[in-house]
Amino acid sequence: MIGYYVHHHGLGHRNRATQIARELSVPVLGFSTLECPPDWPGEWVQLPPDTTDQPEDPTANGVLHWAPLGHPGHRERMGLLADRLRADVDLMVTDTSAEVTLLARLMGVPTVVMAMRGDRTDRTHRAAYDAATALVAPWSAETAEPYWPEEWNRKTTFTGAISRFDAPVRDAAGVGRHPLQPATPASGTDATEPPSGVVHRGSVLVVWGRGGTVVGDAEIAAARAATPGWRWTVRTPDAPSPDLWRELHEAAVVVTHGGNNAVAELSAARVPAVVVAQPRPHDEQLATAAALERAGICVGLEHWPSPADWPVLLERALTLGGQRWDVWRHGDGAHRAAAALEALLRGERP
């Protein structure tokens, strides 16, 4: 059995884990503080929360990221994990937690870390990445992190982006098919072909998150005012799109943050884009924007630009187009990740 730990921050980790789990042909057991997603294909252990406003030595003097002393929720969740690692789990995937990675490895269970961009050279990340049996990176080898040590690269499967708009390789009945054979995702959206609508010239679609952002209504309004020849549509969790797949294809340029899942959806739609990094631990989004810019895929920015910069940035995005998104994704990232996990379960090593 494959165990799969899902971090509770946002829903991106859970969405990605679900896509990968649905591509597996072996039993999978999920662990998370989050509730079980409706389409999770196996058992789910909902862990108690371990957050607190007054943690005691949560980093163990800088050795770990989060292990507060004397916290009953933390002790219980680690105990629940340990019980199943001892009894059921043959391979443990973490997306993402250094502490769970190290716990599994200490119990003699092979571990797989879902890698994240940004500076992971701190003491805790290095310990987890070094100890892992294998790494899975949801980006392509062509756009890999340039600072990674070779020992990390050697044990990494580069799956390319994993998007919810990718067509599944394994259907709902668990029957495999060729990656290029059309299929309809469980959501009912046929994401293997673009919608029949036409691109609206001079249109900007902004896809933005709710938390952890320094960009608000005022910044977007200023950008809109500075580009009178463009029509701006803004989609957020509070004002969601009625059909994001269609709107991605109908926009001339899409503007979004540098979150892994947001960028993966751009890559699936292959649209001209401006990706603006937002502050995140370990500069994760800065690294993503930089990788996109280096590869010439789209406009990648370190911060939200001044209003006067927007006309040139939108035109540059149009010039770059969306053709180079194929450098970022392979179209079957979840299946590649699942295949790597099953190979490890059979005892094959990277």
Protein backbone atom coordinates (compact mmCIF):
# COMPACT_ATOMS: atom_id res chain seq x y z
CA MET A 1 0.00 0.00 0.00
CA ILE A 2 1.10 3.57 -0.75
CA GLY A 3 0.66 6.15 2.00
CA TYR A 4 0.17 9.76 0.91
CA TYR A 5 0.53 12.72 3.29
CA VAL A 6 -1.16 15.93 2.08
CA HIS A 7 -0.32 19.32 3.58
CA HIS A 8 -3.29 21.33 4.76
CA HIS A 9 -2.27 24.79 3.44
CA GLY A 10 -4.66 25.62 0.60
CA LEU A 11 -6.18 22.93 -1.59
CA GLY A 12 -3.47 22.63 -4.24
CA HIS A 13 -1.60 19.80 -2.50
CA ARG A 14 -4.83 17.80 -2.05
CA ASN A 15 -5.93 18.34 -5.65
CA ARG A 16 -2.57 17.17 -6.99
CA ALA A 17 -2.50 14.17 -4.67
CA THR A 18 -5.97 13.14 -5.81
CA GLN A 19 -5.00 13.29 -9.47
CA ILE A 20 -1.96 11.10 -8.82
CA ALA A 21 -3.86 8.68 -6.57
CA ARG A 22 -6.51 8.13 -9.25
CA GLU A 23 -3.77 7.03 -11.64
CA LEU A 24 -2.51 4.32 -9.28
CA SER A 25 -3.41 0.65 -9.74
CA VAL A 26 -2.50 -0.20 -6.12
CA PRO A 27 -4.25 0.73 -2.84
CA VAL A 28 -3.54 4.23 -1.53
CA LEU A 29 -4.06 5.63 1.97
CA GLY A 30 -4.36 9.39 2.42
CA PHE A 31 -3.36 11.40 5.50
CA SER A 32 -4.22 15.06 6.04
CA THR A 33 -5.77 17.60 8.34
CA LEU A 34 -8.06 18.36 5.39
CA GLU A 35 -11.24 16.42 4.78
CA CYS A 36 -11.21 13.57 2.30
CA PRO A 37 -11.88 14.76 -1.26
CA PRO A 38 -15.00 13.21 -2.80
CA ASP A 39 -13.06 11.50 -5.58
CA TRP A 40 -10.22 10.08 -3.44
CA PRO A 41 -9.86 6.42 -4.52
CA GLY A 42 -8.88 4.85 -1.20
CA GLU A 43 -8.97 5.17 2.58
CA TRP A 44 -8.39 8.56 4.22
CA VAL A 45 -7.12 9.30 7.74
CA GLN A 46 -8.09 12.81 8.84
CA LEU A 47 -5.40 14.02 11.23
CA PRO A 48 -5.99 16.38 14.16
CA PRO A 49 -4.63 19.91 13.71
CA ASP A 50 -1.33 20.84 15.29
CA THR A 51 -1.42 24.61 14.90
CA THR A 52 -1.09 26.88 17.92
CA ASP A 53 -0.55 30.57 18.55
CA GLN A 54 2.08 29.92 21.21
CA PRO A 55 4.22 26.98 20.08
CA GLU A 56 7.09 25.83 22.25
CA ASP A 57 10.33 25.27 20.36
CA PRO A 58 8.49 24.28 17.12
CA THR A 59 11.72 23.99 15.10
CA ALA A 60 13.67 21.86 17.61
CA ASN A 61 16.44 24.47 17.72
CA GLY A 62 16.38 24.86 13.94
CA VAL A 63 16.48 21.16 13.08
CA LEU A 64 12.83 20.90 11.96
CA HIS A 65 10.14 23.14 10.49
CA TRP A 66 7.23 22.35 12.83
CA ALA A 67 7.21 20.03 15.83
CA PRO A 68 5.89 22.01 18.83
CA LEU A 69 6.65 20.54 22.23
CA GLY A 70 3.75 19.41 24.39
CA HIS A 71 1.09 19.87 21.72
CA PRO A 72 -1.50 17.07 22.02
CA GLY A 73 -2.69 17.43 18.42
CA HIS A 74 0.84 17.14 17.06
CA ARG A 75 1.58 14.11 19.22
CA GLU A 76 -1.67 12.41 18.18
CA ARG A 77 -1.19 13.02 14.45
CA MET A 78 2.35 11.65 14.51
CA GLY A 79 1.09 8.64 16.47
CA LEU A 80 -1.64 7.96 13.91
CA LEU A 81 0.91 8.17 11.12
CA ALA A 82 3.30 5.86 12.97
CA ASP A 83 0.56 3.28 13.59
CA ARG A 84 -0.23 3.00 9.88
CA LEU A 85 3.40 3.17 8.80
CA ARG A 86 4.07 0.19 11.04
CA ALA A 87 1.05 -1.84 9.96
CA ASP A 88 0.06 -0.99 6.39
CA VAL A 89 2.29 1.36 4.42
CA ASP A 90 4.98 0.03 2.08
CA LEU A 91 5.85 3.37 0.46
CA MET A 92 5.21 6.87 1.85
CA VAL A 93 4.67 10.00 -0.26
CA THR A 94 4.80 13.43 1.36
CA ASP A 95 3.31 16.53 -0.25
CA THR A 96 4.75 18.03 1.71
CA SER A 97 6.33 17.69 5.18
CA ALA A 98 9.94 17.22 6.18
CA GLU A 99 8.85 15.82 9.54
CA VAL A 100 6.59 13.14 8.03
CA THR A 101 9.30 12.28 5.51
CA LEU A 102 11.82 11.73 8.28
CA LEU A 103 9.32 9.84 10.45
CA ALA A 104 8.62 7.37 7.64
CA ARG A 105 12.32 6.93 6.88
CA LEU A 106 13.12 6.37 10.56
CA MET A 107 10.53 3.59 10.55
CA GLY A 108 12.26 1.96 7.58
CA VAL A 109 9.63 2.88 4.99
CA PRO A 110 10.82 4.09 1.56
CA THR A 111 9.88 7.74 1.10
CA VAL A 112 9.04 9.96 -1.85
CA VAL A 113 9.01 13.75 -1.54
CA MET A 114 6.91 15.87 -3.89
CA ALA A 115 9.50 18.53 -4.55
CA MET A 116 8.78 22.23 -4.50
CA ARG A 117 10.55 25.10 -6.21
CA GLY A 118 12.43 27.78 -4.35
CA ASP A 119 15.41 27.66 -2.05
CA ARG A 120 15.29 24.28 -0.31
CA THR A 121 18.86 24.40 0.97
CA ASP A 122 17.89 25.06 4.59
CA ARG A 123 18.88 22.40 7.10
CA THR A 124 15.43 20.78 7.34
CA HIS A 125 14.68 20.60 3.63
CA ARG A 126 18.12 19.22 2.87
CA ALA A 127 17.64 16.48 5.46
CA ALA A 128 14.27 15.48 3.96
CA TYR A 129 15.42 15.61 0.34
CA ASP A 130 18.65 13.78 1.16
CA ALA A 131 16.85 11.08 3.15
CA ALA A 132 14.12 10.51 0.56
CA THR A 133 14.36 7.39 -1.56
CA ALA A 134 13.13 9.42 -4.51
CA LEU A 135 11.82 12.86 -5.46
CA VAL A 136 8.97 13.72 -7.81
CA ALA A 137 9.16 17.18 -9.38
CA PRO A 138 5.99 18.54 -11.04
CA TRP A 139 8.00 20.37 -13.68
CA SER A 140 10.11 19.29 -16.63
CA ALA A 141 13.79 18.42 -16.63
CA GLU A 142 14.31 21.28 -19.12
CA THR A 143 13.06 23.79 -16.53
CA ALA A 144 14.68 22.18 -13.48
CA GLU A 145 16.03 24.16 -10.55
CA PRO A 146 19.62 25.10 -11.48
CA TYR A 147 21.00 24.95 -7.91
CA TRP A 148 19.97 21.36 -7.11
CA PRO A 149 22.85 19.01 -6.22
CA GLU A 150 23.34 16.17 -8.65
CA GLU A 151 22.37 13.57 -6.04
CA TRP A 152 18.86 15.08 -5.98
CA ASN A 153 18.58 15.17 -9.77
CA ARG A 154 19.65 11.53 -10.06
CA LYS A 155 16.74 10.30 -7.96
CA THR A 156 14.09 12.65 -9.38
CA THR A 157 11.23 11.89 -11.75
CA PHE A 158 10.43 15.09 -13.64
CA THR A 159 6.76 14.65 -14.50
CA GLY A 160 6.06 18.03 -16.04
CA ALA A 161 3.17 20.12 -14.74
CA ILE A 162 0.22 18.33 -13.17
CA SER A 163 -3.02 20.12 -14.04
CA ARG A 164 -6.62 19.30 -13.20
CA PHE A 165 -7.30 19.90 -16.90
CA ASP A 166 -5.05 17.04 -17.98
CA ALA A 167 -6.97 14.07 -19.37
CA PRO A 168 -6.55 11.03 -17.10
CA VAL A 169 -4.55 8.12 -18.48
CA ARG A 170 -6.36 5.64 -16.23
CA ASP A 171 -10.15 5.87 -16.49
CA ALA A 172 -12.63 5.73 -13.61
CA ALA A 173 -12.81 1.93 -13.86
CA GLY A 174 -9.04 1.69 -13.42
CA VAL A 175 -8.44 0.72 -17.06
CA GLY A 176 -5.31 2.13 -18.61
CA ARG A 177 -5.26 3.83 -22.00
CA HIS A 178 -2.71 5.55 -24.21
CA PRO A 179 -1.81 9.04 -22.92
CA LEU A 180 -2.87 10.64 -26.22
CA GLN A 181 -6.21 8.86 -26.42
CA PRO A 182 -8.97 11.43 -25.73
CA ALA A 183 -10.86 11.12 -22.48
CA THR A 184 -13.28 13.20 -20.46
CA PRO A 185 -12.18 14.09 -16.91
CA ALA A 186 -14.49 13.32 -14.01
CA SER A 187 -15.49 16.99 -13.85
CA GLY A 188 -17.20 16.62 -17.21
CA THR A 189 -14.86 19.10 -18.88
CA ASP A 190 -13.19 17.71 -21.97
CA ALA A 191 -9.77 19.26 -21.46
CA THR A 192 -8.08 17.34 -24.26
CA GLU A 193 -9.27 19.87 -26.83
CA PRO A 194 -9.73 23.65 -26.54
CA PRO A 195 -13.30 24.93 -26.39
CA SER A 196 -14.95 26.01 -29.60
CA GLY A 197 -15.07 29.68 -28.53
CA VAL A 198 -12.81 32.30 -30.13
CA VAL A 199 -10.12 34.39 -28.50
CA HIS A 200 -11.37 37.86 -27.62
CA ARG A 201 -8.73 40.28 -28.86
CA GLY A 202 -7.66 42.81 -26.27
CA SER A 203 -9.00 40.75 -23.35
CA VAL A 204 -7.15 40.09 -20.08
CA LEU A 205 -8.23 37.35 -17.66
CA VAL A 206 -6.87 37.75 -14.12
CA VAL A 207 -6.93 34.52 -12.08
CA TRP A 208 -6.00 35.36 -8.52
CA GLY A 209 -6.09 33.71 -5.11
CA ARG A 210 -7.55 34.88 -1.83
CA GLY A 211 -4.71 34.75 0.70
CA GLY A 212 -1.01 35.39 0.89
CA THR A 213 -1.04 38.14 -1.74
CA VAL A 214 0.10 41.74 -1.82
CA VAL A 215 -2.11 42.48 -4.83
CA GLY A 216 -5.65 43.72 -4.32
CA ASP A 217 -8.44 45.51 -6.10
CA ALA A 218 -6.55 48.82 -6.19
CA GLU A 219 -3.53 47.37 -8.00
CA ILE A 220 -5.68 45.60 -10.58
CA ALA A 221 -7.81 48.71 -11.10
CA ALA A 222 -4.67 50.78 -11.73
CA ALA A 223 -3.44 48.26 -14.30
CA ARG A 224 -6.83 48.33 -16.02
CA ALA A 225 -6.81 52.14 -16.15
CA ALA A 226 -3.32 52.12 -17.69
CA THR A 227 -4.41 49.83 -20.55
CA PRO A 228 -7.49 51.48 -22.11
CA GLY A 229 -7.37 49.22 -25.15
CA TRP A 230 -7.79 46.08 -23.04
CA ARG A 231 -10.83 44.59 -21.29
CA TRP A 232 -10.02 43.06 -17.90
CA THR A 233 -11.97 40.23 -16.22
CA VAL A 234 -11.02 39.24 -12.67
CA ARG A 235 -11.67 35.77 -11.21
CA THR A 236 -11.01 34.97 -7.55
CA PRO A 237 -12.30 32.41 -5.03
CA ASP A 238 -14.92 35.03 -4.09
CA ALA A 239 -15.84 35.63 -7.75
CA PRO A 240 -15.09 32.30 -9.45
CA SER A 241 -15.27 31.62 -13.15
CA PRO A 242 -18.38 29.79 -14.39
CA ASP A 243 -16.13 27.93 -16.88
CA LEU A 244 -12.44 28.54 -16.30
CA TRP A 245 -11.27 26.23 -19.10
CA ARG A 246 -13.29 28.23 -21.64
CA GLU A 247 -12.27 31.60 -20.22
CA LEU A 248 -8.59 30.63 -20.30
CA HIS A 249 -8.90 29.95 -24.02
CA GLU A 250 -10.97 33.00 -24.81
CA ALA A 251 -8.58 35.47 -23.15
CA ALA A 252 -5.85 37.05 -25.23
CA VAL A 253 -3.58 37.19 -22.15
CA VAL A 254 -3.96 35.57 -18.73
CA VAL A 255 -2.48 37.20 -15.62
CA THR A 256 -1.98 35.05 -12.54
CA HIS A 257 0.27 34.45 -9.55
CA GLY A 258 3.16 31.98 -9.49
CA GLY A 259 1.42 29.20 -7.59
CA ASN A 260 2.19 25.71 -8.86
CA ASN A 261 -1.40 24.78 -9.70
CA ALA A 262 -2.25 28.11 -11.31
CA VAL A 263 0.76 27.84 -13.61
CA ALA A 264 -0.07 24.19 -14.38
CA GLU A 265 -3.51 25.25 -15.59
CA LEU A 266 -1.96 27.89 -17.86
CA SER A 267 0.31 25.22 -19.31
CA ALA A 268 -2.64 22.93 -20.04
CA ALA A 269 -4.45 25.73 -21.86
CA ARG A 270 -1.22 26.90 -23.61
CA VAL A 271 -2.16 30.57 -23.37
CA PRO A 272 -0.07 33.77 -23.46
CA ALA A 273 0.46 34.83 -19.89
CA VAL A 274 1.99 37.15 -17.33
CA VAL A 275 2.91 35.31 -14.13
CA VAL A 276 3.58 37.52 -11.10
CA ALA A 277 5.31 36.01 -8.08
CA GLN A 278 3.77 36.53 -4.64
CA PRO A 279 5.68 36.29 -1.34
CA ARG A 280 5.99 32.68 -0.22
CA PRO A 281 8.31 30.79 2.12
CA HIS A 282 11.60 29.81 0.48
CA ASP A 283 10.78 32.11 -2.50
CA GLU A 284 8.77 29.35 -4.18
CA GLN A 285 6.85 31.65 -6.53
CA LEU A 286 9.92 33.74 -7.32
CA ALA A 287 11.65 30.57 -8.49
CA THR A 288 8.67 29.60 -10.63
CA ALA A 289 8.45 33.01 -12.29
CA ALA A 290 12.21 32.99 -12.91
CA ALA A 291 12.05 29.51 -14.49
CA LEU A 292 9.24 30.60 -16.81
CA GLU A 293 11.16 33.72 -17.82
CA ARG A 294 14.41 31.78 -18.44
CA ALA A 295 12.62 29.29 -20.67
CA GLY A 296 10.89 32.02 -22.69
CA ILE A 297 7.50 30.46 -21.98
CA CYS A 298 5.71 33.57 -20.79
CA VAL A 299 6.36 36.82 -18.95
CA GLY A 300 7.60 35.98 -15.44
CA LEU A 301 7.82 38.83 -12.92
CA GLU A 302 9.23 39.10 -9.40
CA HIS A 303 6.51 41.51 -8.25
CA TRP A 304 3.39 43.30 -9.45
CA PRO A 305 4.55 45.97 -11.92
CA SER A 306 3.73 49.66 -11.97
CA PRO A 307 0.64 50.65 -14.01
CA ALA A 308 2.78 52.25 -16.73
CA ASP A 309 4.52 48.93 -17.40
CA TRP A 310 1.37 46.98 -18.24
CA PRO A 311 0.90 47.96 -21.92
CA VAL A 312 4.38 46.68 -22.80
CA LEU A 313 4.03 43.55 -20.67
CA LEU A 314 0.73 42.54 -22.30
CA GLU A 315 2.17 43.03 -25.77
CA ARG A 316 5.25 41.00 -24.83
CA ALA A 317 3.03 38.18 -23.60
CA LEU A 318 1.22 38.18 -26.94
CA THR A 319 4.53 38.07 -28.79
CA LEU A 320 5.73 35.08 -26.77
CA GLY A 321 2.42 33.34 -27.39
CA GLY A 322 1.63 30.01 -25.78
CA GLN A 323 3.58 27.56 -27.91
CA ARG A 324 6.45 27.03 -25.47
CA TRP A 325 4.22 25.74 -22.69
CA ASP A 326 5.07 22.28 -24.02
CA VAL A 327 8.50 22.78 -22.43
CA TRP A 328 6.74 22.97 -19.04
CA ARG A 329 4.39 20.00 -19.32
CA HIS A 330 4.01 16.59 -20.94
CA GLY A 331 0.24 16.28 -20.63
CA ASP A 332 0.27 13.19 -18.40
CA GLY A 333 2.12 14.40 -15.31
CA ALA A 334 -0.11 12.60 -12.80
CA HIS A 335 0.30 9.32 -14.65
CA ARG A 336 4.09 9.72 -14.76
CA ALA A 337 4.14 10.36 -11.02
CA ALA A 338 1.95 7.31 -10.34
CA ALA A 339 4.13 5.12 -12.55
CA ALA A 340 7.24 6.24 -10.64
CA LEU A 341 5.58 5.40 -7.32
CA GLU A 342 4.53 1.94 -8.47
CA ALA A 343 8.04 1.27 -9.76
CA LEU A 344 9.44 2.15 -6.33
CA LEU A 345 6.83 -0.10 -4.71
CA ARG A 346 8.19 -2.97 -6.84
CA GLY A 347 11.65 -2.28 -5.47
CA GLU A 348 13.01 -0.41 -8.49
CA ARG A 349 15.21 2.52 -7.55
CA PRO A 350 15.90 5.69 -9.53
